[in-house]
Amino acid sequence: MAVGRMRKRAEFLAARRGRRLNGPCFFIEARNRGDGTDPRVGLTVTKKVGNSVVRNRIRRRLREAIRLGAETEMVPGFDYVIVARREVRDMPFAALKDELSRRLARTKQPQGEPATAKRRDPERRSGSD
């Protein structure tokens, strides 16, 4: 599966109406186009993150992390916008790749479902004796 690129502002704005997956170093806006074609990715790194050298380095790191494994987690027919934060620059690459794959895998879960199946048991309330 080949991952396409989002280039037009309207495509980025449309992805904002989709699901938002927050993370410590970046967040992902994912929207189902409903056409079943190859997924597309757009990267956003604002000027608040740093100068052009820093922003381009972050974009290169994200593109490489997608290429090396995160694209297998992408769902066909989805648009993904990855909005990077400053922490991506100093994050170890293996951790970046894992975090990106984990966030993208969450788009496969139905919306409203927690990322983990941990739920508190109502029978085991502390201090209610």
Protein backbone atom coordinates (compact mmCIF):
# COMPACT_ATOMS: atom_id res chain seq x y z
CA MET A 1 0.00 0.00 0.00
CA ALA A 2 1.39 3.37 -0.99
CA VAL A 3 0.79 6.36 1.22
CA GLY A 4 -0.22 9.52 -0.60
CA ARG A 5 0.44 13.11 0.38
CA MET A 6 -2.03 15.80 1.21
CA ARG A 7 -1.13 19.06 -0.49
CA LYS A 8 -4.13 21.37 -0.51
CA ARG A 9 -5.28 23.48 2.41
CA ALA A 10 -8.85 22.27 1.93
CA GLU A 11 -7.70 18.67 2.52
CA PHE A 12 -6.02 19.66 5.78
CA LEU A 13 -9.10 21.57 6.93
CA ALA A 14 -11.34 18.61 6.08
CA ALA A 15 -9.18 16.34 8.24
CA ARG A 16 -9.78 18.67 11.20
CA ARG A 17 -13.42 17.55 11.22
CA GLY A 18 -12.30 13.98 11.89
CA ARG A 19 -11.08 12.21 14.97
CA ARG A 20 -8.30 13.71 17.08
CA LEU A 21 -5.74 11.40 18.69
CA ASN A 22 -3.64 13.25 21.27
CA GLY A 23 -0.13 12.30 22.25
CA PRO A 24 2.77 13.78 24.18
CA CYS A 25 4.85 14.78 21.14
CA PHE A 26 2.24 15.18 18.42
CA PHE A 27 -1.42 14.73 17.72
CA ILE A 28 -3.12 13.17 14.74
CA GLU A 29 -6.32 14.26 13.06
CA ALA A 30 -7.81 11.31 11.20
CA ARG A 31 -10.80 11.47 8.87
CA ASN A 32 -12.45 8.71 6.90
CA ARG A 33 -12.91 9.77 3.28
CA GLY A 34 -15.02 6.69 2.67
CA ASP A 35 -13.53 5.85 -0.72
CA GLY A 36 -11.27 2.93 0.29
CA THR A 37 -8.26 4.20 -1.68
CA ASP A 38 -4.74 4.53 -0.30
CA PRO A 39 -4.38 6.59 2.89
CA ARG A 40 -2.95 10.09 2.67
CA VAL A 41 -0.74 11.95 5.13
CA GLY A 42 -0.14 15.62 5.78
CA LEU A 43 2.45 17.02 8.18
CA THR A 44 2.11 20.28 10.08
CA VAL A 45 4.95 21.85 12.03
CA THR A 46 4.24 25.41 13.13
CA LYS A 47 6.74 28.23 13.54
CA LYS A 48 6.32 27.98 17.32
CA VAL A 49 8.32 24.73 17.14
CA GLY A 50 11.47 26.38 15.79
CA ASN A 51 13.17 27.87 12.77
CA SER A 52 12.99 26.32 9.30
CA VAL A 53 15.95 24.00 9.92
CA VAL A 54 14.27 22.52 12.99
CA ARG A 55 10.85 22.26 11.32
CA ASN A 56 12.29 20.51 8.25
CA ARG A 57 14.24 18.09 10.44
CA ILE A 58 11.05 17.18 12.31
CA ARG A 59 9.19 16.65 9.01
CA ARG A 60 11.98 14.38 7.71
CA ARG A 61 11.93 12.33 10.94
CA LEU A 62 8.14 11.92 10.75
CA ARG A 63 8.20 10.92 7.07
CA GLU A 64 10.88 8.32 7.77
CA ALA A 65 8.98 6.93 10.78
CA ILE A 66 5.90 6.56 8.56
CA ARG A 67 7.92 4.88 5.83
CA LEU A 68 9.62 2.42 8.18
CA GLY A 69 6.55 0.94 9.74
CA ALA A 70 3.76 3.25 10.67
CA GLU A 71 2.20 3.03 7.21
CA THR A 72 1.15 -0.55 7.96
CA GLU A 73 -1.10 0.83 10.73
CA MET A 74 -2.88 3.24 8.38
CA VAL A 75 -6.41 2.44 7.29
CA PRO A 76 -7.27 2.69 3.56
CA GLY A 77 -9.55 5.60 2.79
CA PHE A 78 -8.32 7.77 5.67
CA ASP A 79 -6.61 11.15 5.70
CA TYR A 80 -4.11 11.72 8.50
CA VAL A 81 -2.74 15.10 9.55
CA ILE A 82 0.15 14.85 12.00
CA VAL A 83 0.72 18.04 13.97
CA ALA A 84 4.15 17.92 15.57
CA ARG A 85 5.20 19.50 18.82
CA ARG A 86 8.71 20.61 19.80
CA GLU A 87 9.44 17.32 21.63
CA VAL A 88 9.63 15.36 18.36
CA ARG A 89 13.02 16.92 17.62
CA ASP A 90 14.78 15.37 20.65
CA MET A 91 12.79 12.16 20.90
CA PRO A 92 14.73 8.92 20.18
CA PHE A 93 13.79 7.67 16.72
CA ALA A 94 12.68 4.22 17.91
CA ALA A 95 10.34 5.83 20.44
CA LEU A 96 8.99 8.17 17.75
CA LYS A 97 8.29 5.26 15.44
CA ASP A 98 6.54 3.27 18.19
CA GLU A 99 4.46 6.24 19.37
CA LEU A 100 3.39 7.03 15.80
CA SER A 101 2.38 3.41 15.16
CA ARG A 102 0.45 3.31 18.44
CA ARG A 103 -1.48 6.50 17.63
CA LEU A 104 -2.28 5.36 14.10
CA ALA A 105 -3.47 1.97 15.35
CA ARG A 106 -6.06 3.76 17.49
CA THR A 107 -7.90 4.85 14.34
CA LYS A 108 -8.85 1.20 13.83
CA GLN A 109 -10.77 1.21 17.12
CA PRO A 110 -14.35 2.44 17.17
CA GLN A 111 -14.63 6.01 18.36
CA GLY A 112 -15.34 6.32 22.05
CA GLU A 113 -13.56 3.07 22.90
CA PRO A 114 -10.65 3.47 25.33
CA ALA A 115 -7.17 2.66 24.10
CA THR A 116 -6.86 -0.03 26.75
CA ALA A 117 -9.48 -2.37 28.14
CA LYS A 118 -8.77 -1.41 31.76
CA ARG A 119 -11.92 -0.53 33.62
CA ARG A 120 -12.48 -0.23 37.30
CA ASP A 121 -14.54 -2.95 38.83
CA PRO A 122 -17.52 -1.31 40.66
CA GLU A 123 -17.43 -4.16 43.22
CA ARG A 124 -13.89 -3.24 44.33
CA ARG A 125 -14.33 0.23 45.70
CA SER A 126 -11.73 1.23 48.23
CA GLY A 127 -12.85 2.54 51.59
CA SER A 128 -16.50 1.52 51.28
CA ASP A 129 -16.50 -1.07 54.08
